[in-house]
Amino acid sequence: MARTYAGILGALACFLLIIRGLFLDLPANHVLTSGLIVFLIFSFTGFCIGYIADKSMQETQESCFKEKMSGLQVAIASKSFSTRDKSV
């Protein structure tokens, strides 16, 4: 997810800067240099956002899975305990 966010934000920022350069009739050298800098900055920012989002989703899924598994273990333990009582 981090690489996806990095690619999307970097490309979007570079695209918008190139469009801005076309409308303002800026020299290509200035537009491309600024575009590269903006691309790198926004790619890094997108990578950080994607990394945080991916980690938070993983932690949420992991905690939900652990919660369900502990609930199942309690249910199995109580069921086996109640069948032992009936057989004795």
C-alpha atoms as a PDB file:
ATOM      1  CA  MET A   1       0.000   0.000   0.000  1.00  0.00           C
ATOM      2  CA  ALA A   2       2.910   2.336   0.720  1.00  0.00           C
ATOM      3  CA  ARG A   3       4.318   2.084  -2.805  1.00  0.00           C
ATOM      4  CA  THR A   4       0.863   2.647  -4.292  1.00  0.00           C
ATOM      5  CA  TYR A   5       0.343   5.850  -2.323  1.00  0.00           C
ATOM      6  CA  ALA A   6       3.872   7.002  -3.180  1.00  0.00           C
ATOM      7  CA  GLY A   7       3.355   6.449  -6.898  1.00  0.00           C
ATOM      8  CA  ILE A   8      -0.049   8.094  -7.006  1.00  0.00           C
ATOM      9  CA  LEU A   9       0.820  11.180  -4.963  1.00  0.00           C
ATOM     10  CA  GLY A  10       4.183  11.693  -6.676  1.00  0.00           C
ATOM     11  CA  ALA A  11       2.756  11.387 -10.179  1.00  0.00           C
ATOM     12  CA  LEU A  12      -0.226  13.597  -9.351  1.00  0.00           C
ATOM     13  CA  ALA A  13       1.985  16.344  -7.925  1.00  0.00           C
ATOM     14  CA  CYS A  14       4.328  16.221 -10.925  1.00  0.00           C
ATOM     15  CA  PHE A  15       1.401  16.275 -13.355  1.00  0.00           C
ATOM     16  CA  LEU A  16      -0.166  19.298 -11.653  1.00  0.00           C
ATOM     17  CA  LEU A  17       3.159  21.127 -11.659  1.00  0.00           C
ATOM     18  CA  ILE A  18       3.623  20.482 -15.385  1.00  0.00           C
ATOM     19  CA  ILE A  19       0.092  21.763 -16.093  1.00  0.00           C
ATOM     20  CA  ARG A  20       0.848  24.849 -13.989  1.00  0.00           C
ATOM     21  CA  GLY A  21       4.043  25.408 -16.001  1.00  0.00           C
ATOM     22  CA  LEU A  22       2.118  25.184 -19.256  1.00  0.00           C
ATOM     23  CA  PHE A  23      -0.506  27.691 -18.139  1.00  0.00           C
ATOM     24  CA  LEU A  24       2.071  30.146 -16.783  1.00  0.00           C
ATOM     25  CA  ASP A  25       4.332  29.623 -19.817  1.00  0.00           C
ATOM     26  CA  LEU A  26       7.358  28.774 -17.663  1.00  0.00           C
ATOM     27  CA  PRO A  27      10.590  27.445 -19.181  1.00  0.00           C
ATOM     28  CA  ALA A  28      10.763  23.651 -19.487  1.00  0.00           C
ATOM     29  CA  ASN A  29      13.988  23.436 -17.492  1.00  0.00           C
ATOM     30  CA  HIS A  30      12.385  25.169 -14.515  1.00  0.00           C
ATOM     31  CA  VAL A  31       9.200  23.096 -14.740  1.00  0.00           C
ATOM     32  CA  LEU A  32      11.013  19.753 -14.961  1.00  0.00           C
ATOM     33  CA  THR A  33      13.444  20.594 -12.142  1.00  0.00           C
ATOM     34  CA  SER A  34      10.589  21.683  -9.901  1.00  0.00           C
ATOM     35  CA  GLY A  35       8.588  18.651 -11.019  1.00  0.00           C
ATOM     36  CA  LEU A  36      11.350  16.267  -9.982  1.00  0.00           C
ATOM     37  CA  ILE A  37      11.695  17.890  -6.563  1.00  0.00           C
ATOM     38  CA  VAL A  38       7.936  17.897  -5.978  1.00  0.00           C
ATOM     39  CA  PHE A  39       7.709  14.303  -7.227  1.00  0.00           C
ATOM     40  CA  LEU A  40      10.295  13.144  -4.690  1.00  0.00           C
ATOM     41  CA  ILE A  41       8.730  15.057  -1.800  1.00  0.00           C
ATOM     42  CA  PHE A  42       5.202  13.864  -2.500  1.00  0.00           C
ATOM     43  CA  SER A  43       6.357  10.310  -3.172  1.00  0.00           C
ATOM     44  CA  PHE A  44       8.047  10.210   0.220  1.00  0.00           C
ATOM     45  CA  THR A  45       4.955  11.701   1.852  1.00  0.00           C
ATOM     46  CA  GLY A  46       2.716   9.169   0.087  1.00  0.00           C
ATOM     47  CA  PHE A  47       4.986   6.328   1.149  1.00  0.00           C
ATOM     48  CA  CYS A  48       4.766   7.435   4.791  1.00  0.00           C
ATOM     49  CA  ILE A  49       0.967   7.750   4.634  1.00  0.00           C
ATOM     50  CA  GLY A  50       0.620   4.370   2.929  1.00  0.00           C
ATOM     51  CA  TYR A  51       2.953   2.699   5.427  1.00  0.00           C
ATOM     52  CA  ILE A  52       1.001   4.064   8.394  1.00  0.00           C
ATOM     53  CA  ALA A  53      -2.319   3.061   6.818  1.00  0.00           C
ATOM     54  CA  ASP A  54      -1.040  -0.442   6.042  1.00  0.00           C
ATOM     55  CA  LYS A  55       0.298  -0.973   9.568  1.00  0.00           C
ATOM     56  CA  SER A  56      -2.905   0.261  11.199  1.00  0.00           C
ATOM     57  CA  MET A  57      -5.004  -2.052   9.008  1.00  0.00           C
ATOM     58  CA  GLN A  58      -2.753  -5.010   9.825  1.00  0.00           C
ATOM     59  CA  GLU A  59      -2.942  -4.305  13.553  1.00  0.00           C
ATOM     60  CA  THR A  60      -6.722  -3.979  13.405  1.00  0.00           C
ATOM     61  CA  GLN A  61      -7.106  -7.263  11.535  1.00  0.00           C
ATOM     62  CA  GLU A  62      -4.670  -9.001  13.853  1.00  0.00           C
ATOM     63  CA  SER A  63      -6.432  -7.815  17.004  1.00  0.00           C
ATOM     64  CA  CYS A  64      -9.824  -8.815  15.564  1.00  0.00           C
ATOM     65  CA  PHE A  65      -8.470 -12.258  14.677  1.00  0.00           C
ATOM     66  CA  LYS A  66      -6.940 -12.736  18.134  1.00  0.00           C
ATOM     67  CA  GLU A  67     -10.200 -11.658  19.771  1.00  0.00           C
ATOM     68  CA  LYS A  68     -12.232 -14.146  17.735  1.00  0.00           C
ATOM     69  CA  MET A  69      -9.734 -16.936  18.374  1.00  0.00           C
ATOM     70  CA  SER A  70      -9.777 -16.340  22.128  1.00  0.00           C
ATOM     71  CA  GLY A  71     -13.591 -16.366  22.027  1.00  0.00           C
ATOM     72  CA  LEU A  72     -13.545 -19.681  20.193  1.00  0.00           C
ATOM     73  CA  GLN A  73     -11.059 -21.138  22.674  1.00  0.00           C
ATOM     74  CA  VAL A  74     -13.293 -20.101  25.578  1.00  0.00           C
ATOM     75  CA  ALA A  75     -16.343 -21.612  23.850  1.00  0.00           C
ATOM     76  CA  ILE A  76     -14.515 -24.868  23.165  1.00  0.00           C
ATOM     77  CA  ALA A  77     -13.160 -25.019  26.712  1.00  0.00           C
ATOM     78  CA  SER A  78     -16.587 -24.401  28.249  1.00  0.00           C
ATOM     79  CA  LYS A  79     -18.210 -26.951  25.945  1.00  0.00           C
ATOM     80  CA  SER A  80     -15.673 -29.646  26.784  1.00  0.00           C
ATOM     81  CA  PHE A  81     -15.983 -28.797  30.486  1.00  0.00           C
ATOM     82  CA  SER A  82     -19.785 -29.123  30.369  1.00  0.00           C
ATOM     83  CA  THR A  83     -19.613 -32.500  28.551  1.00  0.00           C
ATOM     84  CA  ARG A  84     -17.240 -33.802  31.234  1.00  0.00           C
ATOM     85  CA  ASP A  85     -19.735 -32.885  33.943  1.00  0.00           C
ATOM     86  CA  LYS A  86     -22.556 -34.776  32.204  1.00  0.00           C
ATOM     87  CA  SER A  87     -20.522 -37.950  31.739  1.00  0.00           C
ATOM     88  CA  VAL A  88     -19.531 -38.157  35.434  1.00  0.00           C
END
